[in-house]
Amino acid sequence: MVENRPVLTFVTHAVLITGVVFLCFPVWMAVVASTHGPEALSQAPIPLWFGDRAWENYSQLLAGGLPEAGGVPIGRMMFNSLIMALVITFGKIAISIISAYAIVYFRFPFRMGFFWMIFITLMLPVEVRILPTFDVVTKLGMLNSYYGLTIPLIASATATFLFRQFFLTIPDELVEAARIDRAGPIRFFLDILLPMSRTNIAALFIILFIFGWNQYLWPLLVTTDEGLYTVVMGIQRMVNSGEALPVWHYIMGTAVLAMIPPVFVVIAMQKLFVKGLVESEK
């Protein structure tokens, strides 16, 4: 029997609402600031309600471009970030799931040795391998290109490890049944493993998409062409505007626009994401 405790229920809801307010208030301030002019944000008190410059500000950001951001429209930067995030996400998932499939279901020499070589790369932070990677990208002529932005980041030891652990939970009877039905390795992978990995793929898709979308250090190194700037680089350039005052209404508007694709991905795949994290029995 579940006891009804009104006081405990009230305290629980009060704590949750307080936490939501603390989390959402910075987002609210960013949205409000993006609808005002620069003069409203340079004096106290800062407005807490919407202004009348929303259409003008966002139109300038998406289509016009700002000198503080290299004159590139934010829409172009968001497109670059989207391409980078999607290529990194699909590349990581494709390479990782195929690698895990080979390690678990194929018997070849030094199989576990190759797995541990992949796994050990988790101990190497990005800063340790970023200079050798940059040197390779430079020698291959991949600077200022989508290839240079994405290909060096598509390998993922974490995703390979997660897929391997999931494949190890699949009963051997399922593999034997597929073999009896004359299903080859490709058919077994496409018709059985991929559908069973759907929730894991969805969970990894969200994590890897946000990872690719928020990349800053690597694009900063391999990109000097302003047409290939990402939205995170655009925000950084607007904040560090030299001797000029930062254009906070445009900065906040760019931050709001930069939040939309990750939020959309999380909302669209929320059920599969939660299921992939908590599901224990396959």
C-alpha atoms as a PDB file:
ATOM      1  CA  MET A   1       0.000   0.000   0.000  1.00  0.00           C
ATOM      2  CA  VAL A   2       1.318   3.404  -0.998  1.00  0.00           C
ATOM      3  CA  GLU A   3       0.929   5.993   1.722  1.00  0.00           C
ATOM      4  CA  ASN A   4      -0.326   9.445   0.814  1.00  0.00           C
ATOM      5  CA  ARG A   5       1.937  12.041   2.403  1.00  0.00           C
ATOM      6  CA  PRO A   6       0.879  15.536   1.273  1.00  0.00           C
ATOM      7  CA  VAL A   7       3.776  17.288   2.990  1.00  0.00           C
ATOM      8  CA  LEU A   8       6.383  15.044   1.364  1.00  0.00           C
ATOM      9  CA  THR A   9       4.688  15.419  -2.008  1.00  0.00           C
ATOM     10  CA  PHE A  10       4.683  19.203  -1.672  1.00  0.00           C
ATOM     11  CA  VAL A  11       8.378  19.309  -0.700  1.00  0.00           C
ATOM     12  CA  THR A  12       9.306  17.014  -3.579  1.00  0.00           C
ATOM     13  CA  HIS A  13       7.481  19.118  -6.130  1.00  0.00           C
ATOM     14  CA  ALA A  14       8.870  22.337  -4.657  1.00  0.00           C
ATOM     15  CA  VAL A  15      12.440  21.033  -4.977  1.00  0.00           C
ATOM     16  CA  LEU A  16      11.834  19.875  -8.559  1.00  0.00           C
ATOM     17  CA  ILE A  17      10.256  23.190  -9.573  1.00  0.00           C
ATOM     18  CA  THR A  18      13.113  25.119  -7.977  1.00  0.00           C
ATOM     19  CA  GLY A  19      15.631  23.029  -9.886  1.00  0.00           C
ATOM     20  CA  VAL A  20      13.793  23.579 -13.170  1.00  0.00           C
ATOM     21  CA  VAL A  21      13.719  27.348 -12.553  1.00  0.00           C
ATOM     22  CA  PHE A  22      17.475  27.451 -11.887  1.00  0.00           C
ATOM     23  CA  LEU A  23      18.169  25.419 -15.033  1.00  0.00           C
ATOM     24  CA  CYS A  24      15.810  27.305 -17.325  1.00  0.00           C
ATOM     25  CA  PHE A  25      16.454  30.857 -16.149  1.00  0.00           C
ATOM     26  CA  PRO A  26      19.718  31.313 -18.143  1.00  0.00           C
ATOM     27  CA  VAL A  27      17.959  30.025 -21.255  1.00  0.00           C
ATOM     28  CA  TRP A  28      15.087  32.427 -20.635  1.00  0.00           C
ATOM     29  CA  MET A  29      17.508  35.330 -20.262  1.00  0.00           C
ATOM     30  CA  ALA A  30      19.261  34.386 -23.516  1.00  0.00           C
ATOM     31  CA  VAL A  31      15.955  34.329 -25.399  1.00  0.00           C
ATOM     32  CA  VAL A  32      14.858  37.656 -23.877  1.00  0.00           C
ATOM     33  CA  ALA A  33      18.215  39.327 -24.551  1.00  0.00           C
ATOM     34  CA  SER A  34      18.095  38.262 -28.200  1.00  0.00           C
ATOM     35  CA  THR A  35      14.901  40.277 -28.725  1.00  0.00           C
ATOM     36  CA  HIS A  36      16.311  43.615 -27.519  1.00  0.00           C
ATOM     37  CA  GLY A  37      18.734  46.140 -28.927  1.00  0.00           C
ATOM     38  CA  PRO A  38      22.275  46.694 -27.608  1.00  0.00           C
ATOM     39  CA  GLU A  39      21.269  49.741 -25.588  1.00  0.00           C
ATOM     40  CA  ALA A  40      18.815  47.739 -23.446  1.00  0.00           C
ATOM     41  CA  LEU A  41      21.513  45.269 -22.381  1.00  0.00           C
ATOM     42  CA  SER A  42      24.150  47.850 -21.514  1.00  0.00           C
ATOM     43  CA  GLN A  43      22.285  49.390 -18.598  1.00  0.00           C
ATOM     44  CA  ALA A  44      20.724  48.166 -15.381  1.00  0.00           C
ATOM     45  CA  PRO A  45      18.324  46.599 -14.750  1.00  0.00           C
ATOM     46  CA  ILE A  46      18.518  44.048 -17.578  1.00  0.00           C
ATOM     47  CA  PRO A  47      15.054  43.467 -19.084  1.00  0.00           C
ATOM     48  CA  LEU A  48      13.289  40.235 -18.107  1.00  0.00           C
ATOM     49  CA  TRP A  49      10.631  40.349 -20.826  1.00  0.00           C
ATOM     50  CA  PHE A  50      10.714  40.228 -24.605  1.00  0.00           C
ATOM     51  CA  GLY A  51      11.592  43.269 -26.681  1.00  0.00           C
ATOM     52  CA  ASP A  52      10.535  44.385 -30.156  1.00  0.00           C
ATOM     53  CA  ARG A  53      13.773  43.586 -32.055  1.00  0.00           C
ATOM     54  CA  ALA A  54      13.397  39.815 -32.396  1.00  0.00           C
ATOM     55  CA  TRP A  55      12.633  39.727 -36.132  1.00  0.00           C
ATOM     56  CA  GLU A  56      15.341  42.241 -36.963  1.00  0.00           C
ATOM     57  CA  ASN A  57      18.001  40.526 -34.845  1.00  0.00           C
ATOM     58  CA  TYR A  58      17.347  36.998 -36.077  1.00  0.00           C
ATOM     59  CA  SER A  59      17.036  38.096 -39.695  1.00  0.00           C
ATOM     60  CA  GLN A  60      20.414  39.791 -39.469  1.00  0.00           C
ATOM     61  CA  LEU A  61      21.947  36.710 -37.842  1.00  0.00           C
ATOM     62  CA  LEU A  62      20.570  34.117 -40.241  1.00  0.00           C
ATOM     63  CA  ALA A  63      20.955  35.963 -43.521  1.00  0.00           C
ATOM     64  CA  GLY A  64      22.981  39.132 -43.163  1.00  0.00           C
ATOM     65  CA  GLY A  65      26.058  38.112 -41.227  1.00  0.00           C
ATOM     66  CA  LEU A  66      28.046  40.133 -38.719  1.00  0.00           C
ATOM     67  CA  PRO A  67      31.503  41.699 -39.033  1.00  0.00           C
ATOM     68  CA  GLU A  68      32.289  40.364 -35.539  1.00  0.00           C
ATOM     69  CA  ALA A  69      31.725  36.809 -36.841  1.00  0.00           C
ATOM     70  CA  GLY A  70      33.722  37.267 -40.027  1.00  0.00           C
ATOM     71  CA  GLY A  71      30.735  38.491 -42.035  1.00  0.00           C
ATOM     72  CA  VAL A  72      29.401  34.929 -42.377  1.00  0.00           C
ATOM     73  CA  PRO A  73      25.654  34.438 -41.773  1.00  0.00           C
ATOM     74  CA  ILE A  74      24.850  32.303 -38.753  1.00  0.00           C
ATOM     75  CA  GLY A  75      22.702  30.154 -41.025  1.00  0.00           C
ATOM     76  CA  ARG A  76      25.858  29.149 -42.912  1.00  0.00           C
ATOM     77  CA  MET A  77      27.664  28.394 -39.668  1.00  0.00           C
ATOM     78  CA  MET A  78      24.776  26.255 -38.459  1.00  0.00           C
ATOM     79  CA  PHE A  79      24.847  24.350 -41.748  1.00  0.00           C
ATOM     80  CA  ASN A  80      28.565  23.686 -41.260  1.00  0.00           C
ATOM     81  CA  SER A  81      27.947  22.513 -37.701  1.00  0.00           C
ATOM     82  CA  LEU A  82      25.104  20.282 -38.876  1.00  0.00           C
ATOM     83  CA  ILE A  83      27.240  18.662 -41.571  1.00  0.00           C
ATOM     84  CA  MET A  84      30.046  18.132 -39.080  1.00  0.00           C
ATOM     85  CA  ALA A  85      27.754  16.684 -36.395  1.00  0.00           C
ATOM     86  CA  LEU A  86      25.919  14.313 -38.760  1.00  0.00           C
ATOM     87  CA  VAL A  87      29.050  12.996 -40.482  1.00  0.00           C
ATOM     88  CA  ILE A  88      30.792  12.434 -37.143  1.00  0.00           C
ATOM     89  CA  THR A  89      27.712  10.739 -35.678  1.00  0.00           C
ATOM     90  CA  PHE A  90      26.989   8.394 -38.579  1.00  0.00           C
ATOM     91  CA  GLY A  91      30.696   7.711 -39.087  1.00  0.00           C
ATOM     92  CA  LYS A  92      31.282   6.824 -35.434  1.00  0.00           C
ATOM     93  CA  ILE A  93      28.226   4.562 -35.272  1.00  0.00           C
ATOM     94  CA  ALA A  94      28.993   2.796 -38.568  1.00  0.00           C
ATOM     95  CA  ILE A  95      32.659   2.153 -37.793  1.00  0.00           C
ATOM     96  CA  SER A  96      31.989   1.183 -34.179  1.00  0.00           C
ATOM     97  CA  ILE A  97      29.183  -1.278 -34.838  1.00  0.00           C
ATOM     98  CA  ILE A  98      31.111  -2.987 -37.639  1.00  0.00           C
ATOM     99  CA  SER A  99      34.248  -3.169 -35.476  1.00  0.00           C
ATOM    100  CA  ALA A 100      32.316  -4.620 -32.546  1.00  0.00           C
ATOM    101  CA  TYR A 101      30.600  -7.132 -34.846  1.00  0.00           C
ATOM    102  CA  ALA A 102      33.953  -8.331 -36.188  1.00  0.00           C
ATOM    103  CA  ILE A 103      35.481  -8.604 -32.709  1.00  0.00           C
ATOM    104  CA  VAL A 104      32.582 -10.587 -31.232  1.00  0.00           C
ATOM    105  CA  TYR A 105      31.503 -12.884 -34.073  1.00  0.00           C
ATOM    106  CA  PHE A 106      34.658 -13.523 -36.084  1.00  0.00           C
ATOM    107  CA  ARG A 107      37.646 -15.569 -34.965  1.00  0.00           C
ATOM    108  CA  PHE A 108      40.871 -14.131 -36.326  1.00  0.00           C
ATOM    109  CA  PRO A 109      44.425 -13.861 -34.924  1.00  0.00           C
ATOM    110  CA  PHE A 110      45.027 -11.200 -32.255  1.00  0.00           C
ATOM    111  CA  ARG A 111      41.303 -10.441 -32.102  1.00  0.00           C
ATOM    112  CA  MET A 112      41.353  -9.354 -28.450  1.00  0.00           C
ATOM    113  CA  GLY A 113      44.651  -7.576 -28.984  1.00  0.00           C
ATOM    114  CA  PHE A 114      43.043  -5.312 -31.573  1.00  0.00           C
ATOM    115  CA  PHE A 115      40.112  -4.686 -29.242  1.00  0.00           C
ATOM    116  CA  TRP A 116      42.403  -3.623 -26.406  1.00  0.00           C
ATOM    117  CA  MET A 117      44.353  -1.381 -28.777  1.00  0.00           C
ATOM    118  CA  ILE A 118      41.069   0.367 -29.555  1.00  0.00           C
ATOM    119  CA  PHE A 119      40.035   0.474 -25.909  1.00  0.00           C
ATOM    120  CA  ILE A 120      43.341   1.959 -24.705  1.00  0.00           C
ATOM    121  CA  THR A 121      42.729   5.054 -26.844  1.00  0.00           C
ATOM    122  CA  LEU A 122      40.104   6.039 -24.241  1.00  0.00           C
ATOM    123  CA  MET A 123      42.999   6.893 -21.949  1.00  0.00           C
ATOM    124  CA  LEU A 124      44.420   9.393 -24.424  1.00  0.00           C
ATOM    125  CA  PRO A 125      42.725  12.796 -24.151  1.00  0.00           C
ATOM    126  CA  VAL A 126      42.100  14.824 -27.269  1.00  0.00           C
ATOM    127  CA  GLU A 127      44.879  17.269 -26.394  1.00  0.00           C
ATOM    128  CA  VAL A 128      47.486  14.481 -26.454  1.00  0.00           C
ATOM    129  CA  ARG A 129      46.747  13.349 -30.008  1.00  0.00           C
ATOM    130  CA  ILE A 130      45.547  16.584 -31.541  1.00  0.00           C
ATOM    131  CA  LEU A 131      48.970  17.746 -32.787  1.00  0.00           C
ATOM    132  CA  PRO A 132      49.862  14.449 -34.535  1.00  0.00           C
ATOM    133  CA  THR A 133      46.366  14.392 -36.023  1.00  0.00           C
ATOM    134  CA  PHE A 134      46.746  17.968 -37.236  1.00  0.00           C
ATOM    135  CA  ASP A 135      50.089  17.069 -38.827  1.00  0.00           C
ATOM    136  CA  VAL A 136      48.515  14.162 -40.711  1.00  0.00           C
ATOM    137  CA  VAL A 137      45.580  16.296 -41.866  1.00  0.00           C
ATOM    138  CA  THR A 138      47.988  18.986 -43.078  1.00  0.00           C
ATOM    139  CA  LYS A 139      50.112  16.536 -45.073  1.00  0.00           C
ATOM    140  CA  LEU A 140      46.996  15.040 -46.663  1.00  0.00           C
ATOM    141  CA  GLY A 141      45.830  18.497 -47.783  1.00  0.00           C
ATOM    142  CA  MET A 142      42.593  18.330 -45.803  1.00  0.00           C
ATOM    143  CA  LEU A 143      42.746  21.764 -44.177  1.00  0.00           C
ATOM    144  CA  ASN A 144      39.780  24.060 -44.822  1.00  0.00           C
ATOM    145  CA  SER A 145      37.531  21.220 -45.941  1.00  0.00           C
ATOM    146  CA  TYR A 146      34.676  19.152 -44.581  1.00  0.00           C
ATOM    147  CA  TYR A 147      36.989  16.128 -44.798  1.00  0.00           C
ATOM    148  CA  GLY A 148      39.406  17.715 -42.360  1.00  0.00           C
ATOM    149  CA  LEU A 149      36.595  18.728 -40.026  1.00  0.00           C
ATOM    150  CA  THR A 150      35.005  15.296 -39.801  1.00  0.00           C
ATOM    151  CA  ILE A 151      37.190  12.329 -40.801  1.00  0.00           C
ATOM    152  CA  PRO A 152      39.746  12.629 -37.932  1.00  0.00           C
ATOM    153  CA  LEU A 153      36.884  12.518 -35.394  1.00  0.00           C
ATOM    154  CA  ILE A 154      34.789   9.600 -36.655  1.00  0.00           C
ATOM    155  CA  ALA A 155      36.598   6.818 -34.761  1.00  0.00           C
ATOM    156  CA  SER A 156      35.119   6.058 -31.339  1.00  0.00           C
ATOM    157  CA  ALA A 157      36.478   3.567 -28.812  1.00  0.00           C
ATOM    158  CA  THR A 158      33.544   4.247 -26.483  1.00  0.00           C
ATOM    159  CA  ALA A 159      30.908   3.297 -29.053  1.00  0.00           C
ATOM    160  CA  THR A 160      32.911   0.206 -30.070  1.00  0.00           C
ATOM    161  CA  PHE A 161      33.068  -0.908 -26.446  1.00  0.00           C
ATOM    162  CA  LEU A 162      29.334  -0.346 -25.885  1.00  0.00           C
ATOM    163  CA  PHE A 163      28.340  -2.264 -29.014  1.00  0.00           C
ATOM    164  CA  ARG A 164      30.705  -5.102 -28.104  1.00  0.00           C
ATOM    165  CA  GLN A 165      29.196  -5.397 -24.633  1.00  0.00           C
ATOM    166  CA  PHE A 166      25.706  -5.484 -26.125  1.00  0.00           C
ATOM    167  CA  PHE A 167      26.597  -8.124 -28.703  1.00  0.00           C
ATOM    168  CA  LEU A 168      28.016 -10.320 -25.944  1.00  0.00           C
ATOM    169  CA  THR A 169      24.564 -10.428 -24.308  1.00  0.00           C
ATOM    170  CA  ILE A 170      22.916 -11.914 -27.406  1.00  0.00           C
ATOM    171  CA  PRO A 171      22.284 -15.641 -26.844  1.00  0.00           C
ATOM    172  CA  ASP A 172      24.321 -18.133 -28.820  1.00  0.00           C
ATOM    173  CA  GLU A 173      21.069 -19.918 -29.684  1.00  0.00           C
ATOM    174  CA  LEU A 174      20.083 -16.949 -31.842  1.00  0.00           C
ATOM    175  CA  VAL A 175      23.334 -17.208 -33.779  1.00  0.00           C
ATOM    176  CA  GLU A 176      22.834 -20.961 -34.230  1.00  0.00           C
ATOM    177  CA  ALA A 177      19.251 -20.443 -35.401  1.00  0.00           C
ATOM    178  CA  ALA A 178      20.429 -17.915 -37.979  1.00  0.00           C
ATOM    179  CA  ARG A 179      23.100 -20.337 -39.163  1.00  0.00           C
ATOM    180  CA  ILE A 180      20.526 -23.143 -39.500  1.00  0.00           C
ATOM    181  CA  ASP A 181      18.359 -20.809 -41.592  1.00  0.00           C
ATOM    182  CA  ARG A 182      21.402 -20.294 -43.842  1.00  0.00           C
ATOM    183  CA  ALA A 183      21.790 -16.656 -42.914  1.00  0.00           C
ATOM    184  CA  GLY A 184      25.260 -15.447 -43.839  1.00  0.00           C
ATOM    185  CA  PRO A 185      27.266 -12.908 -41.830  1.00  0.00           C
ATOM    186  CA  ILE A 186      25.876  -9.928 -43.746  1.00  0.00           C
ATOM    187  CA  ARG A 187      22.273 -11.117 -43.496  1.00  0.00           C
ATOM    188  CA  PHE A 188      22.667 -11.874 -39.776  1.00  0.00           C
ATOM    189  CA  PHE A 189      24.114  -8.399 -39.219  1.00  0.00           C
ATOM    190  CA  LEU A 190      21.478  -6.518 -41.233  1.00  0.00           C
ATOM    191  CA  ASP A 191      18.344  -8.513 -40.322  1.00  0.00           C
ATOM    192  CA  ILE A 192      19.029  -9.426 -36.699  1.00  0.00           C
ATOM    193  CA  LEU A 193      21.764  -7.373 -35.046  1.00  0.00           C
ATOM    194  CA  LEU A 194      20.858  -3.963 -36.458  1.00  0.00           C
ATOM    195  CA  PRO A 195      17.150  -4.111 -35.432  1.00  0.00           C
ATOM    196  CA  MET A 196      18.135  -5.362 -31.967  1.00  0.00           C
ATOM    197  CA  SER A 197      20.659  -2.506 -31.638  1.00  0.00           C
ATOM    198  CA  ARG A 198      18.103   0.200 -32.400  1.00  0.00           C
ATOM    199  CA  THR A 199      17.862   1.583 -28.862  1.00  0.00           C
ATOM    200  CA  ASN A 200      21.638   1.541 -28.414  1.00  0.00           C
ATOM    201  CA  ILE A 201      22.092   3.351 -31.719  1.00  0.00           C
ATOM    202  CA  ALA A 202      19.518   5.979 -30.701  1.00  0.00           C
ATOM    203  CA  ALA A 203      21.229   6.619 -27.362  1.00  0.00           C
ATOM    204  CA  LEU A 204      24.626   6.912 -29.025  1.00  0.00           C
ATOM    205  CA  PHE A 205      23.199   9.078 -31.797  1.00  0.00           C
ATOM    206  CA  ILE A 206      22.112  11.751 -29.312  1.00  0.00           C
ATOM    207  CA  ILE A 207      25.401  11.701 -27.398  1.00  0.00           C
ATOM    208  CA  LEU A 208      27.570  11.740 -30.523  1.00  0.00           C
ATOM    209  CA  PHE A 209      25.473  14.395 -32.292  1.00  0.00           C
ATOM    210  CA  ILE A 210      25.875  16.769 -29.355  1.00  0.00           C
ATOM    211  CA  PHE A 211      29.592  15.913 -29.235  1.00  0.00           C
ATOM    212  CA  GLY A 212      30.004  16.812 -32.906  1.00  0.00           C
ATOM    213  CA  TRP A 213      27.810  19.908 -32.719  1.00  0.00           C
ATOM    214  CA  ASN A 214      29.739  21.381 -29.782  1.00  0.00           C
ATOM    215  CA  GLN A 215      33.212  20.853 -31.264  1.00  0.00           C
ATOM    216  CA  TYR A 216      35.353  23.960 -30.949  1.00  0.00           C
ATOM    217  CA  LEU A 217      39.072  23.187 -30.605  1.00  0.00           C
ATOM    218  CA  TRP A 218      39.423  20.963 -33.670  1.00  0.00           C
ATOM    219  CA  PRO A 219      37.532  23.259 -36.114  1.00  0.00           C
ATOM    220  CA  LEU A 220      39.564  26.173 -34.757  1.00  0.00           C
ATOM    221  CA  LEU A 221      42.785  24.393 -35.733  1.00  0.00           C
ATOM    222  CA  VAL A 222      41.897  23.065 -39.182  1.00  0.00           C
ATOM    223  CA  THR A 223      39.758  25.960 -40.434  1.00  0.00           C
ATOM    224  CA  THR A 224      40.911  29.384 -41.550  1.00  0.00           C
ATOM    225  CA  ASP A 225      38.288  29.825 -44.259  1.00  0.00           C
ATOM    226  CA  GLU A 226      35.459  31.894 -42.802  1.00  0.00           C
ATOM    227  CA  GLY A 227      32.950  30.014 -44.956  1.00  0.00           C
ATOM    228  CA  LEU A 228      33.681  26.853 -42.948  1.00  0.00           C
ATOM    229  CA  TYR A 229      33.262  28.371 -39.490  1.00  0.00           C
ATOM    230  CA  THR A 230      30.948  26.485 -37.142  1.00  0.00           C
ATOM    231  CA  VAL A 231      28.351  28.145 -34.946  1.00  0.00           C
ATOM    232  CA  VAL A 232      30.460  27.594 -31.803  1.00  0.00           C
ATOM    233  CA  MET A 233      33.356  29.386 -33.481  1.00  0.00           C
ATOM    234  CA  GLY A 234      30.972  32.197 -34.431  1.00  0.00           C
ATOM    235  CA  ILE A 235      29.936  32.682 -30.813  1.00  0.00           C
ATOM    236  CA  GLN A 236      33.551  32.745 -29.692  1.00  0.00           C
ATOM    237  CA  ARG A 237      34.485  35.355 -32.303  1.00  0.00           C
ATOM    238  CA  MET A 238      31.569  37.574 -31.315  1.00  0.00           C
ATOM    239  CA  VAL A 239      32.453  37.372 -27.609  1.00  0.00           C
ATOM    240  CA  ASN A 240      36.153  38.106 -28.226  1.00  0.00           C
ATOM    241  CA  SER A 241      35.610  41.127 -30.406  1.00  0.00           C
ATOM    242  CA  GLY A 242      38.834  42.886 -29.430  1.00  0.00           C
ATOM    243  CA  GLU A 243      38.520  46.463 -28.240  1.00  0.00           C
ATOM    244  CA  ALA A 244      34.888  46.738 -29.353  1.00  0.00           C
ATOM    245  CA  LEU A 245      32.090  45.950 -26.937  1.00  0.00           C
ATOM    246  CA  PRO A 246      30.495  42.517 -27.421  1.00  0.00           C
ATOM    247  CA  VAL A 247      27.175  42.618 -29.250  1.00  0.00           C
ATOM    248  CA  TRP A 248      25.308  40.707 -26.575  1.00  0.00           C
ATOM    249  CA  HIS A 249      21.923  40.706 -28.299  1.00  0.00           C
ATOM    250  CA  TYR A 250      23.466  38.971 -31.313  1.00  0.00           C
ATOM    251  CA  ILE A 251      25.548  36.662 -29.125  1.00  0.00           C
ATOM    252  CA  MET A 252      22.469  35.540 -27.203  1.00  0.00           C
ATOM    253  CA  GLY A 253      20.508  35.114 -30.418  1.00  0.00           C
ATOM    254  CA  THR A 254      23.267  32.922 -31.832  1.00  0.00           C
ATOM    255  CA  ALA A 255      23.338  30.880 -28.628  1.00  0.00           C
ATOM    256  CA  VAL A 256      19.574  30.349 -28.866  1.00  0.00           C
ATOM    257  CA  LEU A 257      19.862  29.237 -32.492  1.00  0.00           C
ATOM    258  CA  ALA A 258      22.750  26.923 -31.581  1.00  0.00           C
ATOM    259  CA  MET A 259      20.563  25.184 -28.999  1.00  0.00           C
ATOM    260  CA  ILE A 260      17.745  24.327 -31.410  1.00  0.00           C
ATOM    261  CA  PRO A 261      19.215  21.308 -33.316  1.00  0.00           C
ATOM    262  CA  PRO A 262      20.490  19.442 -30.195  1.00  0.00           C
ATOM    263  CA  VAL A 263      17.211  20.073 -28.392  1.00  0.00           C
ATOM    264  CA  PHE A 264      15.254  18.852 -31.407  1.00  0.00           C
ATOM    265  CA  VAL A 265      17.347  15.664 -31.600  1.00  0.00           C
ATOM    266  CA  VAL A 266      16.906  14.959 -27.889  1.00  0.00           C
ATOM    267  CA  ILE A 267      13.133  15.502 -28.020  1.00  0.00           C
ATOM    268  CA  ALA A 268      12.679  13.454 -31.189  1.00  0.00           C
ATOM    269  CA  MET A 269      14.666  10.484 -29.859  1.00  0.00           C
ATOM    270  CA  GLN A 270      13.924  10.800 -26.162  1.00  0.00           C
ATOM    271  CA  LYS A 271      12.003   7.540 -25.758  1.00  0.00           C
ATOM    272  CA  LEU A 272      14.594   5.453 -27.578  1.00  0.00           C
ATOM    273  CA  PHE A 273      17.376   7.235 -25.702  1.00  0.00           C
ATOM    274  CA  VAL A 274      15.920   6.411 -22.272  1.00  0.00           C
ATOM    275  CA  LYS A 275      15.095   2.867 -23.355  1.00  0.00           C
ATOM    276  CA  GLY A 276      18.630   2.327 -24.616  1.00  0.00           C
ATOM    277  CA  LEU A 277      20.085   3.486 -21.284  1.00  0.00           C
ATOM    278  CA  VAL A 278      17.820   1.578 -18.892  1.00  0.00           C
ATOM    279  CA  GLU A 279      16.910  -1.530 -20.836  1.00  0.00           C
ATOM    280  CA  SER A 280      18.717  -4.483 -19.306  1.00  0.00           C
ATOM    281  CA  GLU A 281      17.075  -7.443 -20.990  1.00  0.00           C
ATOM    282  CA  LYS A 282      17.334  -7.754 -24.751  1.00  0.00           C
END
